Amino acid sequence: MRRFVARLAISIALLLIALVAIMMAVGYFVYALYLWLAMYLVPPAAAVVAGLIILVVAAVLALIARAFMRGSKRRDKDYSSMTAAETAAELGSLLGDKVQGFAQMNKSTSMLTALAAGFAVGVSPKLRSLLWRIIKKMT
């Protein structure tokens, strides 16, 4: 029994150390995002945009976790025989259905998110040109 408790204590300690390391890494990534945005926006706007991006990512992760916890309805498809492109298309379709359902259930939140994204792009001409170059490269 002592051996089990010792292993459990070591496992919990390692898990806590890993969580602290993950939180530090997230903090550094957020700071790096802020510094990158500060090149294109004034510092207060860069902070707001970085915060909004982090909140949107957190909301998307919460929605994904909620969908997994709820237990989604399985479609009767054989995924093992699909090609990579078909699997990606099916995954995109499932994600699109989830996002559309969320947007229909939360119309005001969806509108505010779209307005915030539009504001973030509209604030800086450099950011607009950067996004325009990215879109041109993709097409």
C-alpha atoms as a PDB file:
ATOM      1  CA  MET A   1       0.000   0.000   0.000  1.00  0.00           C
ATOM      2  CA  ARG A   2       2.845   2.392   0.782  1.00  0.00           C
ATOM      3  CA  ARG A   3       4.344   1.786  -2.617  1.00  0.00           C
ATOM      4  CA  PHE A   4       1.034   2.696  -4.290  1.00  0.00           C
ATOM      5  CA  VAL A   5       0.739   5.910  -2.263  1.00  0.00           C
ATOM      6  CA  ALA A   6       4.346   6.820  -3.074  1.00  0.00           C
ATOM      7  CA  ARG A   7       3.778   6.252  -6.800  1.00  0.00           C
ATOM      8  CA  LEU A   8       0.551   8.236  -6.643  1.00  0.00           C
ATOM      9  CA  ALA A   9       2.298  11.123  -4.871  1.00  0.00           C
ATOM     10  CA  ILE A  10       5.127  11.135  -7.417  1.00  0.00           C
ATOM     11  CA  SER A  11       2.634  11.029 -10.292  1.00  0.00           C
ATOM     12  CA  ILE A  12       0.641  13.927  -8.858  1.00  0.00           C
ATOM     13  CA  ALA A  13       3.818  15.954  -8.277  1.00  0.00           C
ATOM     14  CA  LEU A  14       4.987  15.346 -11.852  1.00  0.00           C
ATOM     15  CA  LEU A  15       1.549  16.263 -13.169  1.00  0.00           C
ATOM     16  CA  LEU A  16       1.604  19.537 -11.229  1.00  0.00           C
ATOM     17  CA  ILE A  17       5.102  20.330 -12.501  1.00  0.00           C
ATOM     18  CA  ALA A  18       3.948  19.645 -16.058  1.00  0.00           C
ATOM     19  CA  LEU A  19       0.906  21.895 -15.592  1.00  0.00           C
ATOM     20  CA  VAL A  20       3.083  24.737 -14.291  1.00  0.00           C
ATOM     21  CA  ALA A  21       5.433  24.310 -17.263  1.00  0.00           C
ATOM     22  CA  ILE A  22       2.488  24.363 -19.653  1.00  0.00           C
ATOM     23  CA  MET A  23       1.115  27.540 -18.057  1.00  0.00           C
ATOM     24  CA  MET A  24       4.528  29.199 -18.360  1.00  0.00           C
ATOM     25  CA  ALA A  25       4.766  28.190 -22.018  1.00  0.00           C
ATOM     26  CA  VAL A  26       1.289  29.587 -22.699  1.00  0.00           C
ATOM     27  CA  GLY A  27       2.339  32.824 -21.007  1.00  0.00           C
ATOM     28  CA  TYR A  28       5.398  33.098 -23.225  1.00  0.00           C
ATOM     29  CA  PHE A  29       3.332  32.406 -26.345  1.00  0.00           C
ATOM     30  CA  VAL A  30       0.816  35.094 -25.374  1.00  0.00           C
ATOM     31  CA  TYR A  31       3.652  37.557 -24.786  1.00  0.00           C
ATOM     32  CA  ALA A  32       5.189  36.630 -28.149  1.00  0.00           C
ATOM     33  CA  LEU A  33       1.801  37.166 -29.817  1.00  0.00           C
ATOM     34  CA  TYR A  34       1.575  40.589 -28.166  1.00  0.00           C
ATOM     35  CA  LEU A  35       5.074  41.549 -29.318  1.00  0.00           C
ATOM     36  CA  TRP A  36       4.284  40.419 -32.864  1.00  0.00           C
ATOM     37  CA  LEU A  37       1.020  42.377 -32.912  1.00  0.00           C
ATOM     38  CA  ALA A  38       2.770  45.414 -31.434  1.00  0.00           C
ATOM     39  CA  MET A  39       4.770  45.673 -34.674  1.00  0.00           C
ATOM     40  CA  TYR A  40       1.524  46.255 -36.591  1.00  0.00           C
ATOM     41  CA  LEU A  41      -0.669  47.966 -33.987  1.00  0.00           C
ATOM     42  CA  VAL A  42      -0.221  50.492 -31.221  1.00  0.00           C
ATOM     43  CA  PRO A  43       0.620  48.664 -27.953  1.00  0.00           C
ATOM     44  CA  PRO A  44      -2.818  49.070 -26.264  1.00  0.00           C
ATOM     45  CA  ALA A  45      -4.600  47.781 -29.372  1.00  0.00           C
ATOM     46  CA  ALA A  46      -2.102  44.907 -29.641  1.00  0.00           C
ATOM     47  CA  ALA A  47      -2.852  43.953 -26.043  1.00  0.00           C
ATOM     48  CA  VAL A  48      -6.603  44.009 -26.691  1.00  0.00           C
ATOM     49  CA  VAL A  49      -6.279  41.984 -29.890  1.00  0.00           C
ATOM     50  CA  ALA A  50      -3.976  39.444 -28.215  1.00  0.00           C
ATOM     51  CA  GLY A  51      -6.444  39.117 -25.344  1.00  0.00           C
ATOM     52  CA  LEU A  52      -9.354  38.652 -27.731  1.00  0.00           C
ATOM     53  CA  ILE A  53      -7.470  36.008 -29.687  1.00  0.00           C
ATOM     54  CA  ILE A  54      -6.697  34.112 -26.488  1.00  0.00           C
ATOM     55  CA  LEU A  55     -10.342  34.355 -25.376  1.00  0.00           C
ATOM     56  CA  VAL A  56     -11.572  33.071 -28.748  1.00  0.00           C
ATOM     57  CA  VAL A  57      -9.118  30.153 -28.610  1.00  0.00           C
ATOM     58  CA  ALA A  58     -10.244  29.371 -25.055  1.00  0.00           C
ATOM     59  CA  ALA A  59     -13.902  29.491 -26.115  1.00  0.00           C
ATOM     60  CA  VAL A  60     -13.260  27.170 -29.050  1.00  0.00           C
ATOM     61  CA  LEU A  61     -11.409  24.726 -26.795  1.00  0.00           C
ATOM     62  CA  ALA A  62     -14.259  24.876 -24.262  1.00  0.00           C
ATOM     63  CA  LEU A  63     -16.783  24.154 -27.014  1.00  0.00           C
ATOM     64  CA  ILE A  64     -14.733  21.208 -28.242  1.00  0.00           C
ATOM     65  CA  ALA A  65     -14.430  19.855 -24.697  1.00  0.00           C
ATOM     66  CA  ARG A  66     -18.167  20.330 -24.164  1.00  0.00           C
ATOM     67  CA  ALA A  67     -18.929  18.484 -27.386  1.00  0.00           C
ATOM     68  CA  PHE A  68     -16.713  15.573 -26.334  1.00  0.00           C
ATOM     69  CA  MET A  69     -18.183  15.470 -22.842  1.00  0.00           C
ATOM     70  CA  ARG A  70     -21.726  15.501 -24.155  1.00  0.00           C
ATOM     71  CA  GLY A  71     -21.086  12.571 -26.448  1.00  0.00           C
ATOM     72  CA  SER A  72     -21.747  13.392 -30.042  1.00  0.00           C
ATOM     73  CA  LYS A  73     -24.035  11.451 -32.310  1.00  0.00           C
ATOM     74  CA  ARG A  74     -22.003   9.083 -34.392  1.00  0.00           C
ATOM     75  CA  ARG A  75     -22.577   8.870 -38.066  1.00  0.00           C
ATOM     76  CA  ASP A  76     -22.670   5.415 -39.546  1.00  0.00           C
ATOM     77  CA  LYS A  77     -19.603   5.720 -41.739  1.00  0.00           C
ATOM     78  CA  ASP A  78     -16.583   3.521 -42.102  1.00  0.00           C
ATOM     79  CA  TYR A  79     -13.708   5.933 -41.530  1.00  0.00           C
ATOM     80  CA  SER A  80     -11.028   3.275 -41.926  1.00  0.00           C
ATOM     81  CA  SER A  81     -11.666   2.920 -45.670  1.00  0.00           C
ATOM     82  CA  MET A  82     -11.614   6.683 -46.371  1.00  0.00           C
ATOM     83  CA  THR A  83      -8.677   8.462 -47.938  1.00  0.00           C
ATOM     84  CA  ALA A  84      -6.929  11.293 -46.116  1.00  0.00           C
ATOM     85  CA  ALA A  85      -8.756  13.921 -48.187  1.00  0.00           C
ATOM     86  CA  GLU A  86     -12.145  12.329 -47.493  1.00  0.00           C
ATOM     87  CA  THR A  87     -11.386  12.121 -43.772  1.00  0.00           C
ATOM     88  CA  ALA A  88     -10.307  15.780 -43.719  1.00  0.00           C
ATOM     89  CA  ALA A  89     -13.468  16.770 -45.586  1.00  0.00           C
ATOM     90  CA  GLU A  90     -15.614  14.826 -43.126  1.00  0.00           C
ATOM     91  CA  LEU A  91     -13.796  16.431 -40.186  1.00  0.00           C
ATOM     92  CA  GLY A  92     -14.315  19.875 -41.714  1.00  0.00           C
ATOM     93  CA  SER A  93     -17.982  19.101 -42.217  1.00  0.00           C
ATOM     94  CA  LEU A  94     -18.403  18.037 -38.597  1.00  0.00           C
ATOM     95  CA  LEU A  95     -16.594  21.134 -37.343  1.00  0.00           C
ATOM     96  CA  GLY A  96     -18.672  23.348 -39.638  1.00  0.00           C
ATOM     97  CA  ASP A  97     -21.880  21.807 -38.309  1.00  0.00           C
ATOM     98  CA  LYS A  98     -20.779  22.447 -34.725  1.00  0.00           C
ATOM     99  CA  VAL A  99     -19.777  26.055 -35.433  1.00  0.00           C
ATOM    100  CA  GLN A 100     -22.997  26.736 -37.322  1.00  0.00           C
ATOM    101  CA  GLY A 101     -25.056  25.282 -34.490  1.00  0.00           C
ATOM    102  CA  PHE A 102     -23.173  27.393 -31.943  1.00  0.00           C
ATOM    103  CA  ALA A 103     -23.592  30.530 -34.049  1.00  0.00           C
ATOM    104  CA  GLN A 104     -27.338  29.927 -34.387  1.00  0.00           C
ATOM    105  CA  MET A 105     -27.742  29.327 -30.648  1.00  0.00           C
ATOM    106  CA  ASN A 106     -25.657  32.372 -29.672  1.00  0.00           C
ATOM    107  CA  LYS A 107     -26.455  34.996 -32.283  1.00  0.00           C
ATOM    108  CA  SER A 108     -25.372  38.008 -30.232  1.00  0.00           C
ATOM    109  CA  THR A 109     -22.049  36.419 -29.216  1.00  0.00           C
ATOM    110  CA  SER A 110     -21.364  35.447 -32.821  1.00  0.00           C
ATOM    111  CA  MET A 111     -22.107  38.977 -33.977  1.00  0.00           C
ATOM    112  CA  LEU A 112     -19.842  40.501 -31.310  1.00  0.00           C
ATOM    113  CA  THR A 113     -17.039  38.100 -32.226  1.00  0.00           C
ATOM    114  CA  ALA A 114     -17.352  39.013 -35.897  1.00  0.00           C
ATOM    115  CA  LEU A 115     -17.359  42.722 -35.021  1.00  0.00           C
ATOM    116  CA  ALA A 116     -14.262  42.317 -32.824  1.00  0.00           C
ATOM    117  CA  ALA A 117     -12.447  40.444 -35.585  1.00  0.00           C
ATOM    118  CA  GLY A 118     -13.425  43.119 -38.107  1.00  0.00           C
ATOM    119  CA  PHE A 119     -12.257  45.839 -35.745  1.00  0.00           C
ATOM    120  CA  ALA A 120      -8.929  44.087 -35.212  1.00  0.00           C
ATOM    121  CA  VAL A 121      -8.333  43.848 -38.949  1.00  0.00           C
ATOM    122  CA  GLY A 122      -9.559  47.393 -39.585  1.00  0.00           C
ATOM    123  CA  VAL A 123      -7.384  49.080 -36.950  1.00  0.00           C
ATOM    124  CA  SER A 124      -4.073  48.675 -38.707  1.00  0.00           C
ATOM    125  CA  PRO A 125      -3.289  49.054 -42.411  1.00  0.00           C
ATOM    126  CA  LYS A 126      -0.165  46.931 -41.914  1.00  0.00           C
ATOM    127  CA  LEU A 127      -2.237  44.097 -40.460  1.00  0.00           C
ATOM    128  CA  ARG A 128      -4.698  44.351 -43.354  1.00  0.00           C
ATOM    129  CA  SER A 129      -1.891  44.167 -45.891  1.00  0.00           C
ATOM    130  CA  LEU A 130      -0.339  41.208 -44.058  1.00  0.00           C
ATOM    131  CA  LEU A 131      -3.642  39.312 -44.083  1.00  0.00           C
ATOM    132  CA  TRP A 132      -4.202  40.233 -47.722  1.00  0.00           C
ATOM    133  CA  ARG A 133      -0.777  38.806 -48.645  1.00  0.00           C
ATOM    134  CA  ILE A 134      -1.553  35.589 -46.739  1.00  0.00           C
ATOM    135  CA  ILE A 135      -4.892  35.229 -48.536  1.00  0.00           C
ATOM    136  CA  LYS A 136      -3.235  35.840 -51.921  1.00  0.00           C
ATOM    137  CA  LYS A 137      -0.639  33.145 -51.199  1.00  0.00           C
ATOM    138  CA  MET A 138      -3.384  30.662 -50.305  1.00  0.00           C
ATOM    139  CA  THR A 139      -5.297  31.217 -53.555  1.00  0.00           C
END
